[in-house]
Amino acid sequence: MNCPSPKCGSSNVQLLSHYVDGLPTGSPHRSTYAEPAGADGSYLLAAGLALVGLYALVSGEILAGLVALAAGGGWGFVIHKKAEASDHARAAWANRRICLACTEQWVP
């Protein structure tokens, strides 16, 4: 595989993940080319809100129950979308190639 850059065309190409693994520990390029971070969300808060909403509905507080249930469901949806986007970004990073001659990056 050759570099897709029209100015380069080098065959000195490597998986970005392998390139990062081969860098020394103190290299500033480790953070530049590092794997994207995973999503930092927990479904616990969303589940808790939904349970509070269900409890409020059962105990007769219809409006408060619906609001809490909707908030829990909405928060769970947001967390799910963030986790999904993070998974896609990490998968793309795992397939990314880097040209060691010109540092061009691409996903084949």
Protein backbone atom coordinates (compact mmCIF):
# COMPACT_ATOMS: atom_id res chain seq x y z
CA MET A 1 0.00 0.00 0.00
CA ASN A 2 1.29 3.44 -0.91
CA CYS A 3 0.57 6.87 0.53
CA PRO A 4 -2.43 8.45 -1.26
CA SER A 5 -0.85 11.92 -1.18
CA PRO A 6 0.03 13.00 -4.74
CA LYS A 7 3.18 14.73 -3.41
CA CYS A 8 4.45 11.66 -1.57
CA GLY A 9 3.42 8.20 -2.79
CA SER A 10 5.79 6.50 -0.32
CA SER A 11 5.38 2.83 0.48
CA ASN A 12 6.52 3.44 4.07
CA VAL A 13 3.01 3.05 5.51
CA GLN A 14 1.95 1.64 8.87
CA LEU A 15 -1.21 1.21 10.94
CA LEU A 16 -1.55 4.24 13.19
CA SER A 17 -2.12 2.01 16.22
CA HIS A 18 1.17 0.18 15.57
CA TYR A 19 2.95 3.49 15.08
CA VAL A 20 1.66 4.81 18.43
CA ASP A 21 2.59 1.56 20.21
CA GLY A 22 6.15 1.87 18.90
CA LEU A 23 6.66 5.42 20.16
CA PRO A 24 8.76 5.97 23.30
CA THR A 25 6.80 6.59 26.50
CA GLY A 26 7.73 10.27 26.77
CA SER A 27 7.11 11.13 23.11
CA PRO A 28 4.84 14.14 22.52
CA HIS A 29 3.44 12.32 19.46
CA ARG A 30 1.80 9.73 21.73
CA SER A 31 -0.88 12.23 22.73
CA THR A 32 -1.15 13.68 19.21
CA TYR A 33 -1.90 10.32 17.59
CA ALA A 34 -3.51 8.60 20.59
CA GLU A 35 -6.67 6.53 20.37
CA PRO A 36 -9.85 8.58 20.94
CA ALA A 37 -11.15 8.37 24.47
CA GLY A 38 -14.12 6.19 25.28
CA ALA A 39 -17.44 7.70 26.27
CA ASP A 40 -17.57 8.60 29.94
CA GLY A 41 -21.17 8.09 30.84
CA SER A 42 -23.08 5.80 33.09
CA TYR A 43 -26.57 4.51 32.58
CA LEU A 44 -26.99 4.44 36.36
CA LEU A 45 -28.26 8.04 36.57
CA ALA A 46 -30.67 7.49 33.68
CA ALA A 47 -31.98 4.30 35.25
CA GLY A 48 -32.32 6.04 38.61
CA LEU A 49 -34.35 8.87 37.10
CA ALA A 50 -36.58 6.39 35.30
CA LEU A 51 -37.15 4.44 38.53
CA VAL A 52 -37.99 7.62 40.41
CA GLY A 53 -40.43 8.45 37.62
CA LEU A 54 -42.07 5.04 37.87
CA TYR A 55 -42.32 5.34 41.65
CA ALA A 56 -43.91 8.79 41.33
CA LEU A 57 -46.40 7.46 38.78
CA VAL A 58 -47.38 4.56 41.04
CA SER A 59 -47.76 6.84 44.06
CA GLY A 60 -50.10 9.21 42.20
CA GLU A 61 -47.77 12.05 41.20
CA ILE A 62 -48.53 11.79 37.49
CA LEU A 63 -46.87 14.99 36.24
CA ALA A 64 -43.71 14.56 38.32
CA GLY A 65 -43.55 10.90 37.34
CA LEU A 66 -43.83 11.65 33.64
CA VAL A 67 -41.18 14.37 33.86
CA ALA A 68 -38.74 12.14 35.71
CA LEU A 69 -39.44 9.20 33.39
CA ALA A 70 -38.89 11.40 30.31
CA ALA A 71 -35.71 12.84 31.81
CA GLY A 72 -34.36 9.37 32.53
CA GLY A 73 -35.20 8.15 29.04
CA GLY A 74 -33.72 11.25 27.42
CA TRP A 75 -30.53 11.02 29.44
CA GLY A 76 -30.19 7.33 28.57
CA PHE A 77 -30.61 8.17 24.87
CA VAL A 78 -27.92 10.88 25.06
CA ILE A 79 -25.49 8.53 26.81
CA HIS A 80 -26.18 5.80 24.25
CA LYS A 81 -25.51 8.18 21.32
CA LYS A 82 -22.25 9.38 22.90
CA ALA A 83 -21.11 5.79 23.43
CA GLU A 84 -22.04 4.88 19.85
CA ALA A 85 -20.11 7.87 18.42
CA SER A 86 -17.12 6.99 20.59
CA ASP A 87 -17.18 3.38 19.35
CA HIS A 88 -17.27 4.54 15.73
CA ALA A 89 -14.37 6.95 16.29
CA ARG A 90 -12.28 4.23 17.95
CA ALA A 91 -13.05 1.77 15.12
CA ALA A 92 -12.00 4.34 12.52
CA TRP A 93 -8.79 5.01 14.48
CA ALA A 94 -8.02 1.27 14.56
CA ASN A 95 -8.19 1.16 10.73
CA ARG A 96 -6.33 4.43 10.14
CA ARG A 97 -3.01 4.30 8.28
CA ILE A 98 -0.14 6.76 8.54
CA CYS A 99 2.59 7.49 6.02
CA LEU A 100 5.87 7.61 7.89
CA ALA A 101 7.42 9.84 5.20
CA CYS A 102 4.87 12.69 5.16
CA THR A 103 2.59 11.85 8.15
CA GLU A 104 -0.51 11.78 5.92
CA GLN A 105 -3.33 9.81 7.59
CA TRP A 106 -6.23 8.00 5.93
CA VAL A 107 -8.69 5.16 6.34
CA PRO A 108 -8.55 2.75 3.39
